[in-house]
Amino acid sequence: MQIIFLNTRSGEQLTMPVTPSDFAVEIGRTVENLDMAQTGQVNLPGLEALFNEQQEFLLPGGARNYTGSGYGGDPYAVVERLSRWSLQGDVLRYIVTDTPVNVPVLLGPVRYGESGGAGDVTVRLTLRQYRELAVETTEKAATGNAGRSTPAAAQTASSYTVKKGDTLWGIARRTYGDGALAWKLAGYNGIRNANLIYPGQKVALPDKSLL
């Protein structure tokens, strides 16, 4: 298992040299607890929750037998890249290989430091899930005026050509309104790893009932 950050703007990819012993991702909806007159307390589904996690990584002061093969042994080069992405407000894909985790995130301030005198650096990252703002449309039935809506071409298309920064989760959410269908869409297209798709790749978009 490896943890990878993929910059959706520049295409830069950073594989963390040492994988932490554990990670946690919280995805789902909040639950709203309401007091209803004459009914008592009820629980209702709330808005989709955005996870907000902190994760700590070890950046060794040199290549070691437990670091990734692509690590050059310069911890401050990694710190510089992470800090730059945070300052630029770049959206990153937080990917945990061999798991379904592939989530768009923003980096909070990057906290780092040394201890022990071996030149190793510990960096603590705050990962805040990124959500695109969508324009809601409303129908004005009383006046006969309808709000402008997004063309349905993407939902009726039989295939889609992957663009830079796309994910199967995002494609499934735009096409079917449900990102969790990404894995069924991957199976339909013979894609072995739903987290790995490439620009120029064609993805067949069947009717939702076929997934």
N, C-alpha and C. Protein backbone atom coordinates (compact mmCIF):
# COMPACT_ATOMS: atom_id res chain seq x y z
N MET A 1 0.84 -1.19 0.00
CA MET A 1 0.00 0.00 0.00
C MET A 1 0.88 1.24 0.00
N GLN A 2 0.53 2.23 -0.83
CA GLN A 2 1.24 3.50 -0.87
C GLN A 2 0.22 4.64 -0.82
N ILE A 3 0.68 5.80 -0.36
CA ILE A 3 -0.15 6.99 -0.37
C ILE A 3 0.42 7.95 -1.40
N ILE A 4 -0.44 8.37 -2.32
CA ILE A 4 -0.03 9.20 -3.45
C ILE A 4 -0.87 10.47 -3.45
N PHE A 5 -0.22 11.60 -3.72
CA PHE A 5 -0.93 12.85 -3.96
C PHE A 5 -0.74 13.21 -5.43
N LEU A 6 -1.85 13.45 -6.13
CA LEU A 6 -1.82 13.80 -7.55
C LEU A 6 -2.41 15.19 -7.71
N ASN A 7 -1.60 16.14 -8.21
CA ASN A 7 -2.05 17.51 -8.42
C ASN A 7 -2.92 17.55 -9.66
N THR A 8 -4.21 17.87 -9.52
CA THR A 8 -5.13 17.84 -10.65
C THR A 8 -4.91 18.98 -11.63
N ARG A 9 -4.19 20.03 -11.21
CA ARG A 9 -3.93 21.16 -12.10
C ARG A 9 -2.68 20.92 -12.94
N SER A 10 -1.60 20.52 -12.29
CA SER A 10 -0.32 20.39 -12.99
C SER A 10 -0.01 18.97 -13.43
N GLY A 11 -0.71 17.99 -12.86
CA GLY A 11 -0.42 16.60 -13.18
C GLY A 11 0.74 16.02 -12.39
N GLU A 12 1.37 16.83 -11.50
CA GLU A 12 2.48 16.32 -10.67
C GLU A 12 1.97 15.24 -9.72
N GLN A 13 2.81 14.25 -9.51
CA GLN A 13 2.46 13.15 -8.61
C GLN A 13 3.54 12.99 -7.56
N LEU A 14 3.12 12.82 -6.31
CA LEU A 14 4.06 12.65 -5.21
C LEU A 14 3.67 11.40 -4.43
N THR A 15 4.55 10.42 -4.44
CA THR A 15 4.36 9.20 -3.62
C THR A 15 5.13 9.39 -2.33
N MET A 16 4.44 9.31 -1.20
CA MET A 16 5.09 9.52 0.08
C MET A 16 6.08 8.39 0.32
N PRO A 17 7.32 8.72 0.75
CA PRO A 17 8.38 7.70 0.82
C PRO A 17 8.15 6.62 1.86
N VAL A 18 7.43 6.95 2.93
CA VAL A 18 7.14 5.96 3.97
C VAL A 18 5.63 5.97 4.21
N THR A 19 5.01 4.81 4.10
CA THR A 19 3.57 4.70 4.31
C THR A 19 3.27 4.60 5.79
N PRO A 20 2.39 5.47 6.33
CA PRO A 20 2.04 5.37 7.76
C PRO A 20 1.44 4.01 8.09
N SER A 21 1.47 3.66 9.34
CA SER A 21 0.94 2.37 9.76
C SER A 21 -0.57 2.31 9.67
N ASP A 22 -1.23 3.47 9.64
CA ASP A 22 -2.69 3.47 9.52
C ASP A 22 -3.14 4.77 8.86
N PHE A 23 -4.38 4.76 8.38
CA PHE A 23 -5.00 5.95 7.83
C PHE A 23 -6.49 5.86 8.10
N ALA A 24 -7.18 6.99 8.02
CA ALA A 24 -8.62 7.01 8.25
C ALA A 24 -9.27 7.99 7.30
N VAL A 25 -10.39 7.59 6.72
CA VAL A 25 -11.18 8.45 5.85
C VAL A 25 -12.63 8.31 6.25
N GLU A 26 -13.30 9.41 6.44
CA GLU A 26 -14.71 9.40 6.83
C GLU A 26 -15.55 9.92 5.67
N ILE A 27 -16.39 9.06 5.11
CA ILE A 27 -17.24 9.43 3.98
C ILE A 27 -18.66 8.98 4.26
N GLY A 28 -19.62 9.84 4.03
CA GLY A 28 -21.02 9.50 4.25
C GLY A 28 -21.83 10.76 4.52
N ARG A 29 -22.99 10.58 5.08
CA ARG A 29 -23.87 11.71 5.41
C ARG A 29 -23.89 11.94 6.91
N THR A 30 -24.13 13.18 7.26
CA THR A 30 -24.40 13.49 8.66
C THR A 30 -25.82 13.05 8.98
N VAL A 31 -26.11 12.95 10.26
CA VAL A 31 -27.46 12.61 10.70
C VAL A 31 -27.97 13.76 11.57
N GLU A 32 -29.10 14.32 11.19
CA GLU A 32 -29.68 15.44 11.92
C GLU A 32 -30.69 14.91 12.95
N ASN A 33 -30.52 15.34 14.19
CA ASN A 33 -31.44 14.95 15.26
C ASN A 33 -32.39 16.12 15.53
N LEU A 34 -33.70 15.89 15.36
CA LEU A 34 -34.70 16.96 15.53
C LEU A 34 -35.70 16.57 16.60
N ASP A 35 -36.17 17.59 17.32
CA ASP A 35 -37.26 17.40 18.28
C ASP A 35 -38.56 17.81 17.61
N MET A 36 -39.45 16.86 17.36
CA MET A 36 -40.72 17.11 16.69
C MET A 36 -41.84 17.16 17.72
N ALA A 37 -42.69 18.17 17.58
CA ALA A 37 -43.82 18.29 18.49
C ALA A 37 -44.71 17.05 18.40
N GLN A 38 -45.07 16.51 19.54
CA GLN A 38 -45.94 15.35 19.70
C GLN A 38 -45.34 14.05 19.15
N THR A 39 -44.15 14.11 18.63
CA THR A 39 -43.51 12.91 18.09
C THR A 39 -42.26 12.55 18.87
N GLY A 40 -41.57 13.55 19.36
CA GLY A 40 -40.31 13.32 20.06
C GLY A 40 -39.14 13.47 19.11
N GLN A 41 -38.03 12.91 19.49
CA GLN A 41 -36.83 13.04 18.69
C GLN A 41 -36.87 12.11 17.48
N VAL A 42 -36.42 12.65 16.35
CA VAL A 42 -36.30 11.84 15.13
C VAL A 42 -34.93 12.10 14.52
N ASN A 43 -34.41 11.11 13.84
CA ASN A 43 -33.14 11.24 13.13
C ASN A 43 -33.42 11.26 11.63
N LEU A 44 -32.86 12.26 10.95
CA LEU A 44 -33.05 12.41 9.51
C LEU A 44 -31.70 12.52 8.83
N PRO A 45 -31.60 12.02 7.59
CA PRO A 45 -30.33 12.15 6.88
C PRO A 45 -30.01 13.62 6.60
N GLY A 46 -28.78 14.01 6.88
CA GLY A 46 -28.37 15.39 6.64
C GLY A 46 -27.57 15.51 5.36
N LEU A 47 -26.69 16.51 5.31
CA LEU A 47 -25.87 16.75 4.13
C LEU A 47 -24.70 15.76 4.08
N GLU A 48 -24.16 15.59 2.89
CA GLU A 48 -22.98 14.75 2.74
C GLU A 48 -21.83 15.37 3.52
N ALA A 49 -21.19 14.56 4.36
CA ALA A 49 -20.10 15.06 5.20
C ALA A 49 -18.81 15.15 4.40
N LEU A 50 -18.00 16.14 4.73
CA LEU A 50 -16.66 16.27 4.15
C LEU A 50 -15.65 15.87 5.22
N PHE A 51 -14.75 14.95 4.87
CA PHE A 51 -13.81 14.53 5.91
C PHE A 51 -12.72 15.57 6.09
N ASN A 52 -12.22 15.64 7.28
CA ASN A 52 -11.18 16.59 7.67
C ASN A 52 -10.21 15.82 8.55
N GLU A 53 -9.11 15.36 7.96
CA GLU A 53 -8.20 14.48 8.67
C GLU A 53 -6.80 15.10 8.76
N GLN A 54 -6.07 14.70 9.76
CA GLN A 54 -4.65 15.03 9.87
C GLN A 54 -3.86 13.73 9.74
N GLN A 55 -2.78 13.80 8.96
CA GLN A 55 -1.95 12.62 8.79
C GLN A 55 -0.48 13.02 8.88
N GLU A 56 0.29 12.18 9.55
CA GLU A 56 1.70 12.47 9.77
C GLU A 56 2.56 11.50 8.95
N PHE A 57 3.58 12.06 8.30
CA PHE A 57 4.47 11.25 7.47
C PHE A 57 5.92 11.44 7.90
N LEU A 58 6.69 10.38 7.81
CA LEU A 58 8.13 10.44 8.03
C LEU A 58 8.83 10.65 6.70
N LEU A 59 9.72 11.65 6.64
CA LEU A 59 10.53 11.91 5.46
C LEU A 59 11.99 11.70 5.87
N PRO A 60 12.55 10.53 5.62
CA PRO A 60 13.92 10.23 6.07
C PRO A 60 14.95 11.16 5.44
N GLY A 61 16.04 11.38 6.17
CA GLY A 61 17.12 12.24 5.69
C GLY A 61 17.98 11.59 4.63
N GLY A 62 17.64 10.43 4.17
CA GLY A 62 18.36 9.74 3.10
C GLY A 62 17.55 8.53 2.68
N ALA A 63 17.91 7.96 1.53
CA ALA A 63 17.22 6.76 1.07
C ALA A 63 17.53 5.61 2.02
N ARG A 64 16.51 4.92 2.46
CA ARG A 64 16.67 3.79 3.37
C ARG A 64 16.05 2.55 2.74
N ASN A 65 16.26 1.40 3.38
CA ASN A 65 15.71 0.17 2.81
C ASN A 65 14.19 0.10 2.95
N TYR A 66 13.58 1.00 3.72
CA TYR A 66 12.13 0.99 3.88
C TYR A 66 11.46 2.15 3.14
N THR A 67 12.22 2.94 2.38
CA THR A 67 11.62 4.03 1.61
C THR A 67 11.29 3.56 0.21
N GLY A 68 10.37 4.29 -0.44
CA GLY A 68 10.00 3.96 -1.80
C GLY A 68 11.18 4.09 -2.74
N SER A 69 11.17 3.32 -3.82
CA SER A 69 12.31 3.29 -4.73
C SER A 69 12.56 4.63 -5.42
N GLY A 70 11.53 5.47 -5.54
CA GLY A 70 11.70 6.75 -6.23
C GLY A 70 12.12 7.89 -5.33
N TYR A 71 12.33 7.62 -4.04
CA TYR A 71 12.66 8.68 -3.09
C TYR A 71 14.14 9.01 -3.17
N GLY A 72 14.46 10.29 -3.36
CA GLY A 72 15.85 10.71 -3.53
C GLY A 72 16.58 11.01 -2.24
N GLY A 73 15.89 10.94 -1.11
CA GLY A 73 16.55 11.17 0.17
C GLY A 73 16.60 12.62 0.60
N ASP A 74 15.85 13.49 -0.07
CA ASP A 74 15.84 14.92 0.28
C ASP A 74 14.48 15.28 0.87
N PRO A 75 14.33 15.26 2.19
CA PRO A 75 13.01 15.51 2.79
C PRO A 75 12.48 16.91 2.52
N TYR A 76 13.40 17.89 2.41
CA TYR A 76 12.91 19.26 2.25
C TYR A 76 12.42 19.53 0.82
N ALA A 77 12.79 18.69 -0.14
CA ALA A 77 12.21 18.80 -1.48
C ALA A 77 10.74 18.41 -1.43
N VAL A 78 10.42 17.41 -0.62
CA VAL A 78 9.02 17.00 -0.45
C VAL A 78 8.25 18.08 0.30
N VAL A 79 8.85 18.64 1.36
CA VAL A 79 8.21 19.70 2.13
C VAL A 79 7.93 20.90 1.23
N GLU A 80 8.90 21.26 0.37
CA GLU A 80 8.74 22.41 -0.52
C GLU A 80 7.57 22.20 -1.46
N ARG A 81 7.45 21.00 -2.01
CA ARG A 81 6.37 20.73 -2.96
C ARG A 81 5.01 20.78 -2.27
N LEU A 82 4.91 20.15 -1.11
CA LEU A 82 3.64 20.16 -0.38
C LEU A 82 3.25 21.58 0.03
N SER A 83 4.24 22.37 0.49
CA SER A 83 3.97 23.76 0.90
C SER A 83 3.50 24.59 -0.30
N ARG A 84 4.13 24.36 -1.45
CA ARG A 84 3.75 25.11 -2.65
C ARG A 84 2.31 24.78 -3.05
N TRP A 85 1.96 23.51 -3.01
CA TRP A 85 0.60 23.12 -3.35
C TRP A 85 -0.41 23.73 -2.38
N SER A 86 -0.04 23.78 -1.10
CA SER A 86 -0.93 24.38 -0.11
C SER A 86 -1.11 25.87 -0.38
N LEU A 87 0.00 26.59 -0.63
CA LEU A 87 -0.06 28.03 -0.87
C LEU A 87 -0.84 28.36 -2.14
N GLN A 88 -0.71 27.51 -3.16
CA GLN A 88 -1.39 27.75 -4.43
C GLN A 88 -2.86 27.34 -4.39
N GLY A 89 -3.27 26.64 -3.34
CA GLY A 89 -4.65 26.19 -3.24
C GLY A 89 -4.99 25.12 -4.26
N ASP A 90 -3.99 24.32 -4.66
CA ASP A 90 -4.23 23.29 -5.66
C ASP A 90 -5.09 22.16 -5.10
N VAL A 91 -5.97 21.64 -5.95
CA VAL A 91 -6.77 20.47 -5.59
C VAL A 91 -5.94 19.22 -5.88
N LEU A 92 -5.80 18.36 -4.89
CA LEU A 92 -5.03 17.13 -5.03
C LEU A 92 -5.96 15.93 -4.93
N ARG A 93 -5.59 14.85 -5.60
CA ARG A 93 -6.26 13.58 -5.36
C ARG A 93 -5.46 12.84 -4.29
N TYR A 94 -6.12 12.48 -3.21
CA TYR A 94 -5.51 11.70 -2.13
C TYR A 94 -5.82 10.24 -2.42
N ILE A 95 -4.81 9.49 -2.81
CA ILE A 95 -5.00 8.12 -3.28
C ILE A 95 -4.27 7.16 -2.34
N VAL A 96 -4.99 6.15 -1.88
CA VAL A 96 -4.38 5.07 -1.11
C VAL A 96 -4.47 3.83 -1.98
N THR A 97 -3.34 3.38 -2.50
CA THR A 97 -3.36 2.26 -3.43
C THR A 97 -3.88 1.01 -2.73
N ASP A 98 -4.46 0.10 -3.54
CA ASP A 98 -5.04 -1.16 -3.07
C ASP A 98 -6.27 -0.95 -2.19
N THR A 99 -6.83 0.27 -2.22
CA THR A 99 -8.09 0.57 -1.52
C THR A 99 -8.95 1.42 -2.45
N PRO A 100 -10.24 1.62 -2.14
CA PRO A 100 -11.08 2.49 -2.97
C PRO A 100 -10.83 3.98 -2.77
N VAL A 101 -9.91 4.35 -1.87
CA VAL A 101 -9.74 5.75 -1.49
C VAL A 101 -9.08 6.54 -2.63
N ASN A 102 -9.81 7.49 -3.17
CA ASN A 102 -9.31 8.40 -4.21
C ASN A 102 -10.18 9.65 -4.10
N VAL A 103 -9.75 10.60 -3.27
CA VAL A 103 -10.59 11.71 -2.85
C VAL A 103 -9.92 13.04 -3.17
N PRO A 104 -10.67 14.02 -3.71
CA PRO A 104 -10.09 15.35 -3.93
C PRO A 104 -9.94 16.08 -2.60
N VAL A 105 -8.76 16.65 -2.35
CA VAL A 105 -8.51 17.33 -1.08
C VAL A 105 -7.76 18.64 -1.32
N LEU A 106 -7.86 19.51 -0.34
CA LEU A 106 -7.01 20.70 -0.24
C LEU A 106 -6.10 20.51 0.97
N LEU A 107 -4.88 21.03 0.86
CA LEU A 107 -3.94 20.95 1.97
C LEU A 107 -4.03 22.20 2.83
N GLY A 108 -4.14 21.99 4.14
CA GLY A 108 -4.02 23.10 5.06
C GLY A 108 -2.55 23.45 5.23
N PRO A 109 -2.21 24.33 6.18
CA PRO A 109 -0.80 24.66 6.43
C PRO A 109 0.01 23.39 6.70
N VAL A 110 1.20 23.35 6.12
CA VAL A 110 2.08 22.18 6.26
C VAL A 110 2.98 22.38 7.48
N ARG A 111 2.86 21.48 8.45
CA ARG A 111 3.66 21.57 9.68
C ARG A 111 4.77 20.52 9.61
N TYR A 112 6.01 20.94 9.83
CA TYR A 112 7.11 19.99 9.73
C TYR A 112 8.21 20.36 10.72
N GLY A 113 9.09 19.41 10.99
CA GLY A 113 10.20 19.66 11.90
C GLY A 113 11.09 18.44 12.01
N GLU A 114 12.23 18.61 12.69
CA GLU A 114 13.19 17.53 12.90
C GLU A 114 13.32 17.23 14.38
N SER A 115 13.72 15.98 14.65
CA SER A 115 14.05 15.60 16.03
C SER A 115 15.02 14.43 15.97
N GLY A 116 15.86 14.31 16.97
CA GLY A 116 16.77 13.18 17.05
C GLY A 116 18.10 13.40 16.38
N GLY A 117 18.25 14.43 15.57
CA GLY A 117 19.53 14.75 14.97
C GLY A 117 19.95 13.87 13.81
N ALA A 118 19.06 13.02 13.29
CA ALA A 118 19.43 12.12 12.19
C ALA A 118 19.11 12.73 10.82
N GLY A 119 18.54 13.93 10.83
CA GLY A 119 18.18 14.57 9.56
C GLY A 119 16.82 14.16 9.04
N ASP A 120 16.11 13.28 9.79
CA ASP A 120 14.77 12.89 9.37
C ASP A 120 13.79 14.03 9.68
N VAL A 121 12.81 14.20 8.81
CA VAL A 121 11.81 15.25 8.97
C VAL A 121 10.44 14.59 9.13
N THR A 122 9.67 15.09 10.05
CA THR A 122 8.29 14.66 10.21
C THR A 122 7.39 15.78 9.72
N VAL A 123 6.45 15.44 8.84
CA VAL A 123 5.54 16.44 8.29
C VAL A 123 4.11 16.03 8.63
N ARG A 124 3.34 17.01 9.09
CA ARG A 124 1.94 16.76 9.44
C ARG A 124 1.06 17.53 8.46
N LEU A 125 0.17 16.81 7.79
CA LEU A 125 -0.70 17.41 6.78
C LEU A 125 -2.15 17.41 7.27
N THR A 126 -2.83 18.52 7.04
CA THR A 126 -4.27 18.60 7.26
C THR A 126 -4.95 18.45 5.91
N LEU A 127 -5.75 17.41 5.76
CA LEU A 127 -6.42 17.10 4.51
C LEU A 127 -7.89 17.45 4.64
N ARG A 128 -8.33 18.39 3.81
CA ARG A 128 -9.73 18.80 3.84
C ARG A 128 -10.36 18.46 2.49
N GLN A 129 -11.39 17.63 2.52
CA GLN A 129 -12.00 17.19 1.28
C GLN A 129 -12.55 18.37 0.49
N TYR A 130 -12.29 18.34 -0.82
CA TYR A 130 -12.72 19.42 -1.72
C TYR A 130 -14.02 19.03 -2.39
N ARG A 131 -14.93 19.97 -2.45
CA ARG A 131 -16.20 19.74 -3.16
C ARG A 131 -16.45 20.90 -4.10
N GLU A 132 -16.73 20.59 -5.37
CA GLU A 132 -17.04 21.62 -6.34
C GLU A 132 -18.39 22.23 -6.04
N LEU A 133 -18.48 23.55 -6.22
CA LEU A 133 -19.76 24.22 -6.04
C LEU A 133 -20.59 24.02 -7.29
N ALA A 134 -21.81 23.52 -7.12
CA ALA A 134 -22.71 23.29 -8.25
C ALA A 134 -23.85 24.28 -8.19
N VAL A 135 -24.27 24.77 -9.35
CA VAL A 135 -25.37 25.72 -9.43
C VAL A 135 -26.68 24.94 -9.44
N GLU A 136 -27.51 25.22 -8.45
CA GLU A 136 -28.82 24.57 -8.39
C GLU A 136 -29.80 25.31 -9.29
N THR A 137 -30.67 24.56 -9.97
CA THR A 137 -31.68 25.16 -10.83
C THR A 137 -33.05 24.94 -10.21
N THR A 138 -33.97 25.90 -10.39
CA THR A 138 -35.31 25.79 -9.84
C THR A 138 -36.33 26.04 -10.93
N GLU A 139 -37.47 25.37 -10.82
CA GLU A 139 -38.57 25.56 -11.75
C GLU A 139 -39.55 26.56 -11.15
N LYS A 140 -39.97 27.54 -11.94
CA LYS A 140 -40.96 28.52 -11.49
C LYS A 140 -42.28 28.17 -12.16
N ALA A 141 -43.01 27.20 -11.59
CA ALA A 141 -44.21 26.67 -12.23
C ALA A 141 -45.31 27.72 -12.35
N ALA A 142 -45.38 28.61 -11.37
CA ALA A 142 -46.48 29.57 -11.38
C ALA A 142 -46.41 30.52 -12.56
N THR A 143 -45.21 30.87 -13.01
CA THR A 143 -45.06 31.82 -14.12
C THR A 143 -44.76 31.15 -15.44
N GLY A 144 -44.51 29.83 -15.40
CA GLY A 144 -44.16 29.14 -16.63
C GLY A 144 -42.71 29.31 -16.99
N ASN A 145 -41.92 29.97 -16.13
CA ASN A 145 -40.50 30.16 -16.40
C ASN A 145 -39.70 29.06 -15.72
N ALA A 146 -38.76 28.48 -16.42
CA ALA A 146 -37.94 27.43 -15.86
C ALA A 146 -36.50 27.91 -15.74
N GLY A 147 -35.85 27.52 -14.65
CA GLY A 147 -34.44 27.86 -14.50
C GLY A 147 -33.61 27.17 -15.56
N ARG A 148 -32.50 27.80 -15.95
CA ARG A 148 -31.63 27.20 -16.94
C ARG A 148 -30.92 26.01 -16.33
N SER A 149 -30.89 24.90 -17.02
CA SER A 149 -30.29 23.69 -16.49
C SER A 149 -29.14 23.26 -17.39
N THR A 150 -28.31 22.39 -16.84
CA THR A 150 -27.17 21.89 -17.59
C THR A 150 -27.65 20.95 -18.68
N PRO A 151 -27.14 21.05 -19.90
CA PRO A 151 -27.55 20.14 -20.96
C PRO A 151 -27.35 18.70 -20.53
N ALA A 152 -28.24 17.82 -20.99
CA ALA A 152 -28.21 16.42 -20.57
C ALA A 152 -27.32 15.57 -21.43
N ALA A 153 -26.50 16.17 -22.29
CA ALA A 153 -25.70 15.40 -23.23
C ALA A 153 -24.80 14.41 -22.52
N ALA A 154 -24.20 14.87 -21.40
CA ALA A 154 -23.27 13.98 -20.71
C ALA A 154 -23.98 12.78 -20.12
N GLN A 155 -25.29 12.93 -19.80
CA GLN A 155 -26.02 11.85 -19.18
C GLN A 155 -26.54 10.86 -20.21
N THR A 156 -26.66 11.26 -21.45
CA THR A 156 -27.19 10.36 -22.47
C THR A 156 -26.10 9.83 -23.38
N ALA A 157 -24.87 10.32 -23.20
CA ALA A 157 -23.78 9.88 -24.05
C ALA A 157 -23.50 8.40 -23.83
N SER A 158 -23.11 7.70 -24.90
CA SER A 158 -22.82 6.27 -24.78
C SER A 158 -21.39 6.02 -24.38
N SER A 159 -20.53 7.04 -24.49
CA SER A 159 -19.15 6.89 -24.07
C SER A 159 -18.60 8.25 -23.69
N TYR A 160 -17.46 8.23 -23.00
CA TYR A 160 -16.82 9.46 -22.55
C TYR A 160 -15.32 9.29 -22.67
N THR A 161 -14.64 10.33 -23.16
CA THR A 161 -13.19 10.31 -23.26
C THR A 161 -12.60 10.99 -22.03
N VAL A 162 -11.78 10.27 -21.31
CA VAL A 162 -11.21 10.74 -20.05
C VAL A 162 -10.30 11.95 -20.31
N LYS A 163 -10.47 12.97 -19.49
CA LYS A 163 -9.64 14.17 -19.54
C LYS A 163 -8.74 14.21 -18.30
N LYS A 164 -7.73 15.03 -18.36
CA LYS A 164 -6.78 15.17 -17.26
C LYS A 164 -7.53 15.60 -15.99
N GLY A 165 -7.29 14.89 -14.91
CA GLY A 165 -7.94 15.20 -13.64
C GLY A 165 -9.23 14.44 -13.40
N ASP A 166 -9.73 13.71 -14.41
CA ASP A 166 -10.96 12.94 -14.25
C ASP A 166 -10.73 11.75 -13.34
N THR A 167 -11.80 11.33 -12.68
CA THR A 167 -11.81 10.08 -11.93
C THR A 167 -13.10 9.35 -12.27
N LEU A 168 -13.10 8.03 -12.11
CA LEU A 168 -14.33 7.28 -12.36
C LEU A 168 -15.44 7.70 -11.40
N TRP A 169 -15.04 8.06 -10.17
CA TRP A 169 -16.04 8.53 -9.20
C TRP A 169 -16.74 9.78 -9.74
N GLY A 170 -15.95 10.75 -10.23
CA GLY A 170 -16.54 11.97 -10.76
C GLY A 170 -17.38 11.72 -11.99
N ILE A 171 -16.92 10.84 -12.89
CA ILE A 171 -17.68 10.52 -14.11
C ILE A 171 -19.01 9.87 -13.74
N ALA A 172 -18.98 8.93 -12.79
CA ALA A 172 -20.21 8.26 -12.37
C ALA A 172 -21.17 9.23 -11.69
N ARG A 173 -20.62 10.16 -10.91
CA ARG A 173 -21.48 11.13 -10.23
C ARG A 173 -22.14 12.07 -11.23
N ARG A 174 -21.36 12.54 -12.25
CA ARG A 174 -21.94 13.43 -13.26
C ARG A 174 -22.96 12.72 -14.13
N THR A 175 -22.69 11.46 -14.46
CA THR A 175 -23.53 10.75 -15.41
C THR A 175 -24.77 10.15 -14.77
N TYR A 176 -24.57 9.55 -13.58
CA TYR A 176 -25.67 8.81 -12.96
C TYR A 176 -26.16 9.44 -11.65
N GLY A 177 -25.44 10.49 -11.19
CA GLY A 177 -25.83 11.11 -9.93
C GLY A 177 -25.40 10.33 -8.72
N ASP A 178 -24.52 9.35 -8.90
CA ASP A 178 -24.08 8.51 -7.79
C ASP A 178 -22.64 8.08 -8.02
N GLY A 179 -21.69 8.71 -7.32
CA GLY A 179 -20.28 8.39 -7.50
C GLY A 179 -19.93 6.98 -7.10
N ALA A 180 -20.75 6.37 -6.20
CA ALA A 180 -20.44 5.03 -5.73
C ALA A 180 -20.58 3.98 -6.82
N LEU A 181 -21.18 4.36 -7.96
CA LEU A 181 -21.29 3.43 -9.08
C LEU A 181 -19.97 3.30 -9.84
N ALA A 182 -18.93 4.02 -9.38
CA ALA A 182 -17.64 4.00 -10.08
C ALA A 182 -17.11 2.58 -10.22
N TRP A 183 -17.28 1.76 -9.17
CA TRP A 183 -16.70 0.42 -9.23
C TRP A 183 -17.50 -0.47 -10.19
N LYS A 184 -18.83 -0.32 -10.25
CA LYS A 184 -19.61 -1.08 -11.22
C LYS A 184 -19.29 -0.62 -12.64
N LEU A 185 -19.06 0.70 -12.79
CA LEU A 185 -18.68 1.23 -14.10
C LEU A 185 -17.32 0.67 -14.51
N ALA A 186 -16.41 0.55 -13.55
CA ALA A 186 -15.10 -0.03 -13.85
C ALA A 186 -15.24 -1.47 -14.31
N GLY A 187 -16.10 -2.24 -13.60
CA GLY A 187 -16.31 -3.63 -13.99
C GLY A 187 -16.92 -3.75 -15.38
N TYR A 188 -17.87 -2.86 -15.68
CA TYR A 188 -18.51 -2.89 -17.00
C TYR A 188 -17.49 -2.64 -18.11
N ASN A 189 -16.50 -1.77 -17.82
CA ASN A 189 -15.49 -1.41 -18.82
C ASN A 189 -14.23 -2.28 -18.76
N GLY A 190 -14.23 -3.25 -17.86
CA GLY A 190 -13.05 -4.11 -17.75
C GLY A 190 -11.85 -3.41 -17.15
N ILE A 191 -12.09 -2.36 -16.36
CA ILE A 191 -11.01 -1.62 -15.70
C ILE A 191 -10.71 -2.31 -14.37
N ARG A 192 -9.50 -2.82 -14.20
CA ARG A 192 -9.16 -3.61 -13.02
C ARG A 192 -9.05 -2.76 -11.77
N ASN A 193 -8.54 -1.52 -11.91
CA ASN A 193 -8.36 -0.64 -10.75
C ASN A 193 -9.17 0.63 -10.99
N ALA A 194 -10.27 0.79 -10.26
CA ALA A 194 -11.15 1.95 -10.48
C ALA A 194 -10.47 3.27 -10.15
N ASN A 195 -9.33 3.22 -9.44
CA ASN A 195 -8.62 4.45 -9.08
C ASN A 195 -7.68 4.93 -10.19
N LEU A 196 -7.47 4.09 -11.22
CA LEU A 196 -6.49 4.42 -12.24
C LEU A 196 -7.15 4.47 -13.62
N ILE A 197 -7.38 5.69 -14.10
CA ILE A 197 -7.80 5.91 -15.47
C ILE A 197 -6.89 6.98 -16.06
N TYR A 198 -6.84 7.06 -17.38
CA TYR A 198 -5.83 7.89 -18.03
C TYR A 198 -6.47 8.80 -19.08
N PRO A 199 -5.91 10.02 -19.27
CA PRO A 199 -6.41 10.91 -20.32
C PRO A 199 -6.39 10.21 -21.67
N GLY A 200 -7.47 10.38 -22.42
CA GLY A 200 -7.60 9.76 -23.73
C GLY A 200 -8.29 8.42 -23.70
N GLN A 201 -8.41 7.83 -22.52
CA GLN A 201 -9.09 6.53 -22.38
C GLN A 201 -10.59 6.72 -22.58
N LYS A 202 -11.23 5.80 -23.31
CA LYS A 202 -12.68 5.87 -23.54
C LYS A 202 -13.39 4.98 -22.53
N VAL A 203 -14.42 5.56 -21.91
CA VAL A 203 -15.22 4.84 -20.91
C VAL A 203 -16.64 4.72 -21.44
N ALA A 204 -17.11 3.50 -21.60
CA ALA A 204 -18.49 3.29 -22.03
C ALA A 204 -19.44 3.62 -20.89
N LEU A 205 -20.52 4.34 -21.23
CA LEU A 205 -21.50 4.76 -20.22
C LEU A 205 -22.84 4.12 -20.53
N PRO A 206 -23.08 2.93 -19.99
CA PRO A 206 -24.34 2.24 -20.26
C PRO A 206 -25.49 2.87 -19.49
N ASP A 207 -26.68 2.40 -19.77
CA ASP A 207 -27.84 2.81 -18.98
C ASP A 207 -27.61 2.37 -17.54
N LYS A 208 -28.06 3.19 -16.61
CA LYS A 208 -27.84 2.90 -15.19
C LYS A 208 -28.35 1.52 -14.79
N SER A 209 -29.42 1.07 -15.45
CA SER A 209 -30.00 -0.23 -15.09
C SER A 209 -29.08 -1.40 -15.42
N LEU A 210 -28.09 -1.16 -16.27
CA LEU A 210 -27.16 -2.23 -16.65
C LEU A 210 -25.98 -2.34 -15.70
N LEU A 211 -25.85 -1.41 -14.78
CA LEU A 211 -24.73 -1.46 -13.83
C LEU A 211 -25.10 -2.25 -12.58
